[in-house]
N, C-alpha and C. Protein backbone atom coordinates (compact mmCIF):
# COMPACT_ATOMS: atom_id res chain seq x y z
N MET A 1 -10.62 24.59 -26.16
CA MET A 1 -9.26 24.23 -26.42
C MET A 1 -8.78 23.21 -25.20
N ARG A 2 -9.33 23.57 -23.98
CA ARG A 2 -8.99 22.53 -22.88
C ARG A 2 -9.67 21.21 -23.08
N LYS A 3 -10.90 21.25 -23.58
CA LYS A 3 -11.43 19.96 -23.80
C LYS A 3 -10.79 19.23 -24.88
N LEU A 4 -10.28 19.84 -25.85
CA LEU A 4 -9.57 19.20 -26.93
C LEU A 4 -8.26 18.65 -26.36
N ALA A 5 -7.49 19.28 -25.56
CA ALA A 5 -6.40 18.75 -24.95
C ALA A 5 -6.71 17.49 -24.00
N THR A 6 -7.59 17.66 -23.29
CA THR A 6 -8.15 16.52 -22.38
C THR A 6 -8.48 15.23 -23.18
N VAL A 7 -9.31 15.58 -24.23
CA VAL A 7 -9.64 14.25 -25.19
C VAL A 7 -8.32 13.76 -25.80
N SER A 8 -7.39 14.53 -26.15
CA SER A 8 -6.13 14.10 -26.86
C SER A 8 -5.39 13.17 -25.79
N VAL A 9 -5.29 13.61 -24.68
CA VAL A 9 -4.64 13.00 -23.53
C VAL A 9 -5.34 11.67 -23.25
N LEU A 10 -6.69 11.95 -23.17
CA LEU A 10 -7.41 10.56 -22.91
C LEU A 10 -7.22 9.59 -24.14
N ILE A 11 -7.33 9.99 -25.29
CA ILE A 11 -7.22 9.01 -26.27
C ILE A 11 -5.90 8.43 -26.30
N THR A 12 -4.93 9.09 -25.98
CA THR A 12 -3.50 8.61 -26.02
C THR A 12 -3.39 7.45 -24.81
N PHE A 13 -3.96 7.95 -23.70
CA PHE A 13 -3.94 6.97 -22.56
C PHE A 13 -4.69 5.75 -22.64
N LEU A 14 -6.00 5.98 -23.43
CA LEU A 14 -6.73 4.67 -23.79
C LEU A 14 -5.91 3.78 -24.62
N ILE A 15 -5.21 4.31 -25.58
CA ILE A 15 -4.44 3.59 -26.45
C ILE A 15 -3.33 2.65 -25.83
N MET A 16 -2.62 3.53 -24.79
CA MET A 16 -1.64 2.79 -23.96
C MET A 16 -2.21 1.71 -23.12
N SER A 17 -3.43 2.14 -22.50
CA SER A 17 -4.04 1.19 -21.68
C SER A 17 -4.57 -0.14 -22.38
N SER A 18 -5.18 -0.03 -23.49
CA SER A 18 -5.52 -1.14 -24.21
C SER A 18 -4.49 -1.99 -24.65
N SER A 19 -3.14 -1.40 -24.84
CA SER A 19 -2.17 -2.40 -25.15
C SER A 19 -1.63 -3.22 -23.77
N ILE A 20 -1.88 -2.39 -22.73
CA ILE A 20 -1.59 -3.04 -21.35
C ILE A 20 -2.42 -4.13 -21.12
N VAL A 21 -3.81 -3.90 -21.25
CA VAL A 21 -4.71 -4.81 -21.23
C VAL A 21 -4.50 -5.99 -22.06
N SER A 22 -4.25 -5.76 -23.25
CA SER A 22 -4.02 -6.93 -24.31
C SER A 22 -2.79 -7.72 -23.80
N ASN A 23 -1.80 -6.99 -23.29
CA ASN A 23 -0.69 -7.68 -22.85
C ASN A 23 -0.98 -8.67 -21.58
N ALA A 24 -1.81 -8.03 -20.68
CA ALA A 24 -2.07 -8.61 -19.43
C ALA A 24 -2.92 -9.89 -19.75
N GLN A 25 -3.71 -9.83 -20.79
CA GLN A 25 -4.54 -10.97 -21.10
C GLN A 25 -3.72 -12.21 -21.26
N GLY A 26 -2.67 -12.05 -21.99
CA GLY A 26 -1.77 -13.25 -22.40
C GLY A 26 -0.80 -13.52 -21.17
N HIS A 27 -0.66 -12.64 -20.21
CA HIS A 27 0.33 -12.99 -19.13
C HIS A 27 -0.10 -12.86 -17.81
N PHE A 28 -1.44 -12.74 -17.72
CA PHE A 28 -1.99 -12.51 -16.32
C PHE A 28 -1.73 -13.62 -15.40
N ARG A 29 -1.89 -14.78 -15.63
CA ARG A 29 -1.59 -15.92 -14.84
C ARG A 29 -0.13 -16.13 -14.45
N ARG A 30 0.65 -16.21 -15.43
CA ARG A 30 2.10 -16.32 -15.26
C ARG A 30 2.76 -15.28 -14.49
N ASP A 31 2.35 -14.03 -14.62
CA ASP A 31 3.01 -12.94 -13.96
C ASP A 31 2.22 -12.48 -12.59
N HIS A 32 1.20 -13.22 -12.06
CA HIS A 32 0.53 -12.79 -10.97
C HIS A 32 1.30 -12.33 -9.70
N ASP A 33 2.51 -12.94 -9.66
CA ASP A 33 3.29 -12.57 -8.35
C ASP A 33 4.27 -11.60 -8.69
N ASP A 34 4.33 -11.05 -9.87
CA ASP A 34 5.23 -9.92 -10.24
C ASP A 34 4.52 -8.68 -9.63
N SER A 35 4.90 -8.19 -8.54
CA SER A 35 4.15 -6.99 -7.91
C SER A 35 4.56 -5.69 -8.61
N ALA A 36 5.77 -5.60 -9.13
CA ALA A 36 6.11 -4.36 -9.85
C ALA A 36 5.19 -4.22 -11.02
N ARG A 37 5.04 -5.25 -11.89
CA ARG A 37 4.12 -5.26 -12.96
C ARG A 37 2.72 -4.91 -12.74
N ARG A 38 2.27 -5.57 -11.59
CA ARG A 38 0.76 -5.28 -11.13
C ARG A 38 0.68 -4.00 -10.61
N GLY A 39 1.50 -3.51 -9.81
CA GLY A 39 1.57 -2.22 -9.49
C GLY A 39 1.65 -1.00 -10.45
N LYS A 40 2.32 -1.24 -11.40
CA LYS A 40 2.17 -0.37 -12.70
C LYS A 40 0.94 -0.39 -13.27
N PHE A 41 0.49 -1.76 -13.52
CA PHE A 41 -0.85 -1.84 -14.21
C PHE A 41 -2.12 -1.19 -13.32
N MET A 42 -2.01 -1.26 -12.08
CA MET A 42 -2.85 -0.67 -11.16
C MET A 42 -2.78 0.81 -11.25
N LYS A 43 -1.64 1.40 -11.25
CA LYS A 43 -1.32 2.85 -11.28
C LYS A 43 -1.97 3.33 -12.67
N ASN A 44 -1.76 2.63 -13.56
CA ASN A 44 -2.33 2.98 -14.95
C ASN A 44 -3.70 2.96 -15.07
N LEU A 45 -4.32 1.96 -14.41
CA LEU A 45 -5.70 1.65 -14.34
C LEU A 45 -6.49 2.92 -13.51
N GLU A 46 -5.89 3.36 -12.40
CA GLU A 46 -6.35 4.36 -11.63
C GLU A 46 -6.16 5.72 -12.23
N ASN A 47 -5.18 5.78 -13.16
CA ASN A 47 -4.91 7.05 -13.91
C ASN A 47 -6.08 7.17 -14.99
N LEU A 48 -6.30 5.95 -15.55
CA LEU A 48 -7.53 5.74 -16.52
C LEU A 48 -8.74 6.36 -15.92
N ARG A 49 -9.03 5.71 -14.77
CA ARG A 49 -10.12 5.99 -14.05
C ARG A 49 -10.36 7.52 -13.69
N LEU A 50 -9.13 8.09 -13.31
CA LEU A 50 -9.29 9.53 -13.06
C LEU A 50 -9.46 10.45 -14.40
N LEU A 51 -8.94 10.05 -15.41
CA LEU A 51 -9.02 10.92 -16.71
C LEU A 51 -10.53 10.66 -16.96
N LYS A 52 -11.07 9.48 -17.00
CA LYS A 52 -12.51 9.39 -17.49
C LYS A 52 -13.46 10.10 -16.70
N LEU A 53 -13.17 9.99 -15.30
CA LEU A 53 -13.92 10.70 -14.34
C LEU A 53 -13.91 12.24 -14.66
N LEU A 54 -12.72 12.77 -14.78
CA LEU A 54 -12.72 14.31 -15.17
C LEU A 54 -13.48 14.57 -16.27
N GLU A 55 -13.29 13.70 -17.31
CA GLU A 55 -14.09 13.94 -18.43
C GLU A 55 -15.52 14.00 -18.19
N VAL A 56 -16.09 12.95 -17.60
CA VAL A 56 -17.53 12.95 -17.15
C VAL A 56 -17.96 13.99 -16.26
N LEU A 57 -17.00 14.57 -15.38
CA LEU A 57 -17.47 15.64 -14.35
C LEU A 57 -17.51 17.03 -15.14
N ASP A 58 -16.70 17.06 -16.18
CA ASP A 58 -16.53 18.40 -16.83
C ASP A 58 -16.42 19.70 -15.66
N LEU A 59 -15.29 19.60 -14.99
CA LEU A 59 -15.09 20.57 -13.81
C LEU A 59 -14.45 21.72 -14.46
N ASN A 60 -14.70 22.90 -13.74
CA ASN A 60 -14.15 24.11 -13.87
C ASN A 60 -12.55 24.04 -13.53
N GLU A 61 -11.65 25.07 -13.79
CA GLU A 61 -10.28 24.91 -13.33
C GLU A 61 -10.07 24.82 -11.77
N ASN A 62 -10.86 25.56 -11.09
CA ASN A 62 -10.88 25.64 -9.76
C ASN A 62 -11.26 24.19 -9.10
N GLN A 63 -12.38 23.86 -9.47
CA GLN A 63 -12.77 22.43 -9.14
C GLN A 63 -11.72 21.45 -9.54
N ASN A 64 -11.16 21.46 -10.68
CA ASN A 64 -10.31 20.48 -11.17
C ASN A 64 -9.08 20.44 -10.29
N ASP A 65 -8.49 21.45 -9.81
CA ASP A 65 -7.39 21.23 -9.07
C ASP A 65 -7.69 20.80 -7.67
N GLN A 66 -8.80 21.07 -6.99
CA GLN A 66 -9.28 20.82 -5.87
C GLN A 66 -9.61 19.18 -5.85
N PHE A 67 -10.44 18.82 -6.78
CA PHE A 67 -10.78 17.43 -7.01
C PHE A 67 -9.61 16.45 -7.15
N ILE A 68 -8.62 16.92 -8.03
CA ILE A 68 -7.37 16.00 -8.26
C ILE A 68 -6.64 15.83 -6.92
N SER A 69 -6.45 16.92 -6.15
CA SER A 69 -5.89 16.99 -5.02
C SER A 69 -6.58 15.94 -3.96
N ALA A 70 -7.79 16.07 -3.77
CA ALA A 70 -8.64 15.12 -2.87
C ALA A 70 -8.52 13.74 -3.36
N PHE A 71 -8.57 13.51 -4.73
CA PHE A 71 -8.52 12.21 -5.29
C PHE A 71 -7.23 11.78 -4.88
N SER A 72 -6.23 12.42 -5.15
CA SER A 72 -4.72 11.91 -4.82
C SER A 72 -4.45 11.68 -3.43
N LYS A 73 -5.00 12.32 -2.51
CA LYS A 73 -4.90 11.95 -1.23
C LYS A 73 -5.61 10.70 -0.91
N PHE A 74 -6.81 10.55 -1.41
CA PHE A 74 -7.54 9.35 -1.21
C PHE A 74 -6.81 8.06 -1.72
N ARG A 75 -6.39 8.18 -2.83
CA ARG A 75 -5.69 7.08 -3.67
C ARG A 75 -4.34 6.78 -2.69
N SER A 76 -3.56 7.72 -2.33
CA SER A 76 -2.38 7.50 -1.51
C SER A 76 -2.70 6.81 -0.26
N ALA A 77 -3.68 7.29 0.64
CA ALA A 77 -3.91 6.69 1.89
C ALA A 77 -4.50 5.25 1.49
N SER A 78 -5.45 5.11 0.62
CA SER A 78 -5.86 3.72 0.31
C SER A 78 -4.93 2.81 -0.06
N LYS A 79 -3.95 3.30 -1.01
CA LYS A 79 -2.83 2.49 -1.37
C LYS A 79 -1.71 2.02 -0.22
N SER A 80 -1.57 2.90 0.67
CA SER A 80 -0.78 2.60 1.87
C SER A 80 -1.44 1.59 2.73
N ILE A 81 -2.62 1.71 2.95
CA ILE A 81 -3.38 0.71 3.76
C ILE A 81 -3.36 -0.56 3.19
N GLN A 82 -3.71 -0.56 1.70
CA GLN A 82 -3.99 -1.93 0.89
C GLN A 82 -2.45 -2.61 0.94
N GLU A 83 -1.36 -1.95 0.80
CA GLU A 83 -0.20 -2.60 1.08
C GLU A 83 0.05 -3.30 2.36
N LYS A 84 -0.43 -2.70 3.39
CA LYS A 84 -0.32 -3.25 4.81
C LYS A 84 -1.19 -4.28 4.82
N ILE A 85 -2.32 -4.30 4.30
CA ILE A 85 -3.23 -5.56 4.07
C ILE A 85 -2.50 -6.77 3.45
N GLU A 86 -1.97 -6.44 2.46
CA GLU A 86 -1.18 -7.50 1.51
C GLU A 86 -0.21 -8.15 2.52
N THR A 87 0.48 -7.24 3.10
CA THR A 87 1.63 -7.86 3.87
C THR A 87 1.10 -8.72 5.03
N ASP A 88 -0.02 -8.13 5.67
CA ASP A 88 -0.78 -8.94 6.78
C ASP A 88 -1.12 -10.22 6.32
N VAL A 89 -1.77 -10.22 5.15
CA VAL A 89 -2.51 -11.44 4.56
C VAL A 89 -1.45 -12.42 4.18
N THR A 90 -0.27 -12.10 3.65
CA THR A 90 0.82 -12.88 3.58
C THR A 90 1.43 -13.50 4.77
N ASP A 91 1.43 -12.55 5.76
CA ASP A 91 2.01 -13.11 7.14
C ASP A 91 1.07 -14.13 7.63
N LEU A 92 -0.20 -14.02 7.49
CA LEU A 92 -1.33 -14.84 8.03
C LEU A 92 -1.14 -16.03 7.17
N SER A 93 -1.04 -16.04 5.97
CA SER A 93 -0.91 -17.33 5.14
C SER A 93 0.19 -18.11 5.53
N ASP A 94 1.50 -17.43 5.81
CA ASP A 94 2.60 -18.19 6.25
C ASP A 94 2.41 -18.81 7.67
N TYR A 95 1.78 -18.01 8.47
CA TYR A 95 1.48 -18.46 9.86
C TYR A 95 0.45 -19.75 9.89
N LEU A 96 -0.43 -19.91 8.89
CA LEU A 96 -1.38 -20.82 8.69
C LEU A 96 -0.75 -22.25 8.56
N LYS A 97 0.51 -22.09 7.94
CA LYS A 97 1.27 -23.27 7.50
C LYS A 97 2.06 -23.87 8.65
N ASP A 98 2.13 -23.02 9.77
CA ASP A 98 2.98 -23.55 10.90
C ASP A 98 2.03 -24.57 11.70
N GLU A 99 2.86 -25.67 12.08
CA GLU A 99 2.07 -26.76 12.87
C GLU A 99 1.59 -26.32 14.18
N ASN A 100 2.42 -25.41 14.80
CA ASN A 100 2.01 -24.85 16.15
C ASN A 100 1.19 -23.70 16.25
N LYS A 101 0.42 -23.48 15.32
CA LYS A 101 -0.36 -22.19 15.42
C LYS A 101 -1.52 -22.12 16.24
N SER A 102 -1.72 -20.98 16.69
CA SER A 102 -2.70 -20.73 17.78
C SER A 102 -3.81 -19.92 17.23
N ASP A 103 -5.05 -20.38 17.66
CA ASP A 103 -6.26 -19.86 17.21
C ASP A 103 -6.31 -18.40 17.68
N ASP A 104 -5.89 -18.10 19.03
CA ASP A 104 -5.87 -16.57 19.29
C ASP A 104 -4.92 -15.66 18.39
N VAL A 105 -3.75 -16.34 18.01
CA VAL A 105 -2.93 -15.44 17.07
C VAL A 105 -3.72 -15.34 15.69
N ILE A 106 -4.18 -16.40 15.23
CA ILE A 106 -5.05 -16.25 13.93
C ILE A 106 -6.16 -15.13 14.02
N LEU A 107 -6.80 -15.34 15.07
CA LEU A 107 -8.14 -14.39 15.22
C LEU A 107 -7.51 -12.87 15.35
N LYS A 108 -6.40 -12.69 16.14
CA LYS A 108 -5.83 -11.47 16.17
C LYS A 108 -5.36 -11.00 14.76
N LYS A 109 -4.69 -11.66 14.05
CA LYS A 109 -4.28 -11.26 12.63
C LYS A 109 -5.73 -11.04 11.81
N VAL A 110 -6.55 -11.77 12.03
CA VAL A 110 -7.74 -11.39 11.13
C VAL A 110 -8.48 -10.23 11.41
N ASP A 111 -8.65 -10.05 12.75
CA ASP A 111 -9.09 -8.92 13.39
C ASP A 111 -8.35 -7.53 12.79
N GLU A 112 -6.91 -7.68 12.76
CA GLU A 112 -6.13 -6.45 12.27
C GLU A 112 -6.47 -6.31 10.57
N ILE A 113 -6.60 -7.38 9.92
CA ILE A 113 -6.73 -7.14 8.61
C ILE A 113 -8.15 -6.58 8.37
N VAL A 114 -9.19 -7.04 9.20
CA VAL A 114 -10.72 -6.37 9.03
C VAL A 114 -10.61 -5.01 9.41
N LYS A 115 -9.86 -4.57 10.41
CA LYS A 115 -9.79 -3.02 10.85
C LYS A 115 -9.14 -2.29 9.79
N MET A 116 -8.23 -2.82 8.95
CA MET A 116 -7.53 -2.11 8.02
C MET A 116 -8.49 -2.01 6.75
N LYS A 117 -9.39 -3.02 6.43
CA LYS A 117 -10.36 -2.77 5.50
C LYS A 117 -11.44 -1.69 5.94
N GLU A 118 -11.76 -1.68 7.01
CA GLU A 118 -12.69 -0.47 7.56
C GLU A 118 -11.92 0.81 7.47
N GLU A 119 -10.64 0.86 7.69
CA GLU A 119 -9.97 2.11 7.43
C GLU A 119 -10.00 2.60 5.99
N ILE A 120 -9.79 1.71 5.10
CA ILE A 120 -10.09 1.99 3.68
C ILE A 120 -11.44 2.75 3.32
N GLU A 121 -12.31 2.02 3.96
CA GLU A 121 -13.88 2.47 3.78
C GLU A 121 -13.91 4.05 4.46
N LYS A 122 -13.49 4.05 5.63
CA LYS A 122 -13.34 5.25 6.26
C LYS A 122 -12.76 6.48 5.16
N GLU A 123 -11.53 6.03 4.68
CA GLU A 123 -11.01 6.95 3.70
C GLU A 123 -11.94 7.31 2.50
N ARG A 124 -12.57 6.23 2.08
CA ARG A 124 -13.49 6.61 0.94
C ARG A 124 -14.67 7.35 1.42
N LYS A 125 -15.17 7.10 2.53
CA LYS A 125 -16.28 8.01 3.09
C LYS A 125 -15.72 9.56 3.13
N ASN A 126 -14.54 9.80 3.67
CA ASN A 126 -13.83 11.10 3.86
C ASN A 126 -13.84 11.78 2.59
N PHE A 127 -13.38 10.89 1.51
CA PHE A 127 -13.13 11.33 0.10
C PHE A 127 -14.57 11.92 -0.39
N PHE A 128 -15.53 11.23 -0.42
CA PHE A 128 -16.91 11.55 -0.68
C PHE A 128 -17.39 12.78 0.22
N GLU A 129 -17.13 12.79 1.44
CA GLU A 129 -17.53 14.10 2.05
C GLU A 129 -16.71 15.26 1.64
N ASN A 130 -15.42 15.19 1.41
CA ASN A 130 -14.53 16.26 0.92
C ASN A 130 -15.13 16.70 -0.54
N THR A 131 -15.53 15.84 -1.29
CA THR A 131 -15.88 16.26 -2.82
C THR A 131 -17.28 16.82 -2.76
N LYS A 132 -18.02 16.65 -1.64
CA LYS A 132 -19.28 17.52 -1.42
C LYS A 132 -19.03 19.10 -1.44
N ASN A 133 -17.80 19.45 -0.91
CA ASN A 133 -17.51 20.94 -0.88
C ASN A 133 -16.81 21.26 -2.26
N ILE A 134 -16.68 20.51 -3.33
CA ILE A 134 -15.84 20.63 -4.42
C ILE A 134 -16.86 20.46 -5.55
N LEU A 135 -17.83 19.79 -5.65
CA LEU A 135 -18.57 19.32 -6.79
C LEU A 135 -20.02 19.86 -6.52
N THR A 136 -20.86 19.99 -7.57
CA THR A 136 -22.20 20.27 -7.59
C THR A 136 -22.87 18.92 -7.29
N ALA A 137 -24.16 18.96 -6.84
CA ALA A 137 -24.94 17.77 -6.66
C ALA A 137 -24.95 16.90 -7.95
N GLU A 138 -25.24 17.54 -8.94
CA GLU A 138 -25.41 16.79 -10.31
C GLU A 138 -23.83 16.14 -10.49
N GLN A 139 -22.86 16.87 -10.25
CA GLN A 139 -21.41 16.30 -10.50
C GLN A 139 -21.26 15.22 -9.53
N LEU A 140 -21.77 15.37 -8.27
CA LEU A 140 -21.73 14.11 -7.40
C LEU A 140 -22.25 12.84 -7.65
N GLY A 141 -23.55 13.19 -8.33
CA GLY A 141 -24.33 12.08 -8.78
C GLY A 141 -23.69 11.37 -9.91
N LYS A 142 -23.21 12.14 -10.89
CA LYS A 142 -22.18 11.62 -11.94
C LYS A 142 -21.08 10.80 -11.62
N MET A 143 -20.43 11.29 -10.46
CA MET A 143 -19.32 10.53 -9.90
C MET A 143 -19.84 9.14 -9.43
N MET A 144 -20.73 9.22 -8.68
CA MET A 144 -21.26 7.99 -8.20
C MET A 144 -21.74 7.01 -9.18
N VAL A 145 -22.44 7.36 -10.13
CA VAL A 145 -22.74 6.51 -11.21
C VAL A 145 -21.39 5.94 -11.90
N PHE A 146 -20.60 6.93 -12.22
CA PHE A 146 -19.50 6.49 -12.92
C PHE A 146 -18.51 5.52 -12.01
N GLN A 147 -18.38 5.71 -10.80
CA GLN A 147 -17.55 4.84 -10.00
C GLN A 147 -18.06 3.39 -10.01
N GLU A 148 -19.51 3.42 -9.83
CA GLU A 148 -20.09 1.99 -9.71
C GLU A 148 -19.95 1.42 -11.06
N ARG A 149 -20.22 1.98 -12.18
CA ARG A 149 -20.14 1.39 -13.60
C ARG A 149 -18.71 1.03 -13.76
N PHE A 150 -17.75 1.92 -13.59
CA PHE A 150 -16.38 1.51 -13.72
C PHE A 150 -15.92 0.34 -13.00
N GLU A 151 -16.14 0.34 -11.76
CA GLU A 151 -15.81 -1.00 -10.98
C GLU A 151 -16.60 -2.15 -11.55
N ARG A 152 -17.66 -2.06 -11.97
CA ARG A 152 -18.40 -3.33 -12.45
C ARG A 152 -17.72 -3.85 -13.84
N GLU A 153 -17.41 -2.79 -14.67
CA GLU A 153 -16.80 -3.11 -15.75
C GLU A 153 -15.49 -3.80 -15.58
N MET A 154 -14.70 -3.31 -14.66
CA MET A 154 -13.43 -3.89 -14.32
C MET A 154 -13.44 -5.27 -13.88
N LEU A 155 -14.53 -5.35 -12.97
CA LEU A 155 -14.79 -6.91 -12.50
C LEU A 155 -15.09 -7.82 -13.78
N GLU A 156 -15.99 -7.28 -14.90
CA GLU A 156 -16.12 -7.99 -15.73
C GLU A 156 -15.01 -8.35 -16.70
N LYS A 157 -14.12 -7.40 -16.76
CA LYS A 157 -12.86 -7.62 -17.56
C LYS A 157 -11.90 -8.68 -16.73
N VAL A 158 -11.82 -8.62 -15.52
CA VAL A 158 -11.04 -9.46 -14.62
C VAL A 158 -11.50 -10.83 -14.99
N ARG A 159 -12.82 -11.07 -15.00
CA ARG A 159 -13.53 -12.30 -15.13
C ARG A 159 -13.14 -12.97 -16.60
N GLY A 160 -12.84 -12.13 -17.43
CA GLY A 160 -12.26 -12.53 -18.79
C GLY A 160 -10.91 -12.98 -18.72
N PHE A 161 -10.13 -12.63 -17.66
CA PHE A 161 -8.78 -12.95 -17.70
C PHE A 161 -8.55 -14.43 -16.93
N ARG A 162 -9.80 -14.95 -16.45
CA ARG A 162 -9.58 -16.29 -15.77
C ARG A 162 -9.32 -17.39 -16.60
N ALA A 163 -8.67 -18.40 -16.14
CA ALA A 163 -8.29 -19.53 -16.97
C ALA A 163 -9.60 -20.19 -17.17
N PRO A 164 -9.62 -20.92 -18.35
CA PRO A 164 -10.69 -21.85 -18.71
C PRO A 164 -10.81 -22.92 -17.63
N GLU A 165 -12.07 -23.50 -17.39
CA GLU A 165 -12.32 -24.61 -16.49
C GLU A 165 -11.34 -25.69 -16.72
N PRO A 166 -10.76 -26.33 -15.70
CA PRO A 166 -9.91 -27.42 -15.74
C PRO A 166 -10.75 -28.62 -16.52
N PRO A 167 -10.00 -29.46 -17.11
CA PRO A 167 -10.69 -30.77 -17.71
C PRO A 167 -11.04 -31.67 -16.69
N SER A 168 -12.24 -32.40 -17.00
CA SER A 168 -12.59 -33.44 -15.80
C SER A 168 -11.83 -34.52 -15.69
N ASN A 169 -11.13 -34.74 -16.73
CA ASN A 169 -10.33 -35.89 -16.59
C ASN A 169 -8.86 -35.63 -16.10
N PRO A 170 -8.27 -36.19 -14.94
CA PRO A 170 -7.05 -35.73 -14.47
C PRO A 170 -5.96 -35.95 -15.49
N ASP A 171 -5.99 -36.86 -16.36
CA ASP A 171 -4.90 -37.06 -17.19
C ASP A 171 -4.80 -36.08 -18.20
N GLN A 172 -5.89 -35.24 -18.38
CA GLN A 172 -5.79 -34.15 -19.38
C GLN A 172 -5.28 -32.72 -18.74
N MET A 173 -5.00 -32.92 -17.59
CA MET A 173 -4.52 -31.64 -16.71
C MET A 173 -3.07 -31.17 -17.28
N PRO A 174 -2.93 -29.92 -17.45
CA PRO A 174 -1.72 -29.41 -17.99
C PRO A 174 -0.79 -29.31 -16.78
N ASP A 175 0.57 -29.30 -17.01
CA ASP A 175 1.65 -29.25 -16.14
C ASP A 175 1.74 -27.59 -15.80
N VAL A 176 1.12 -27.35 -14.81
CA VAL A 176 1.16 -25.80 -14.17
C VAL A 176 1.90 -25.93 -12.77
N PRO A 177 2.81 -25.26 -12.48
CA PRO A 177 3.49 -25.19 -11.21
C PRO A 177 2.52 -24.41 -10.21
N MET A 178 2.44 -25.13 -9.20
CA MET A 178 1.53 -24.37 -8.05
C MET A 178 2.31 -23.54 -7.21
N HIS A 179 1.72 -22.42 -6.84
CA HIS A 179 2.48 -21.57 -5.89
C HIS A 179 1.63 -21.62 -4.60
N ASP A 180 2.33 -21.66 -3.40
CA ASP A 180 1.64 -21.78 -2.04
C ASP A 180 1.44 -20.33 -1.70
C-alpha cells in the first residue's frame, strides 16, 4: 500500500514537473533573470530528485525518515551557500565594470567564491558520510548511480534549452536585448 501511495505521488509530481519543463522550454531565455521562478523550478527539480531517489532506494520507514532528514539538511546548507556564491558573483561582476578596479580585490573576491564552492563539496561529503549510517551498501551504490545519472540527464535537458546557433550573417541577427 505504501508503494502504491509513493507511486501515485510520484506520477502526480512527474506530470506537474513535465508541465514546468515544457513551460520552461518556451520561456527559459526570456525569464532567466526571474529568480523567483528559477527558485521554484529548482525546488521542484530537487523534490523530483528526492522522490525518484526514494523510489530507487526502497527504504524502510526508519531509513526513510532519517534519509529525508539528512537530505533536507544537506539541501538547505547547500542552498544557503549557493545563494552567497550568487551574491558574490554578482558583486564581482559589478566590480569588474569599475574603471578603478584592483587586482588584489578581484583575487580576494575570487578566493572567497572558491572557498564557498569548497564548502558545498564539504557539505556533500558530510551528507554521504551520514548516509553510510542510514543506508545499506547496496542502497549507497544505488544512490551514487542515481545521482550521477540524474545530474547527467539534467545537463542534457539544459543543453536542449539553449538557443540555436546565431546566423553567420550579422544582418540576420534578431533584436534581442542584451543583459550585462
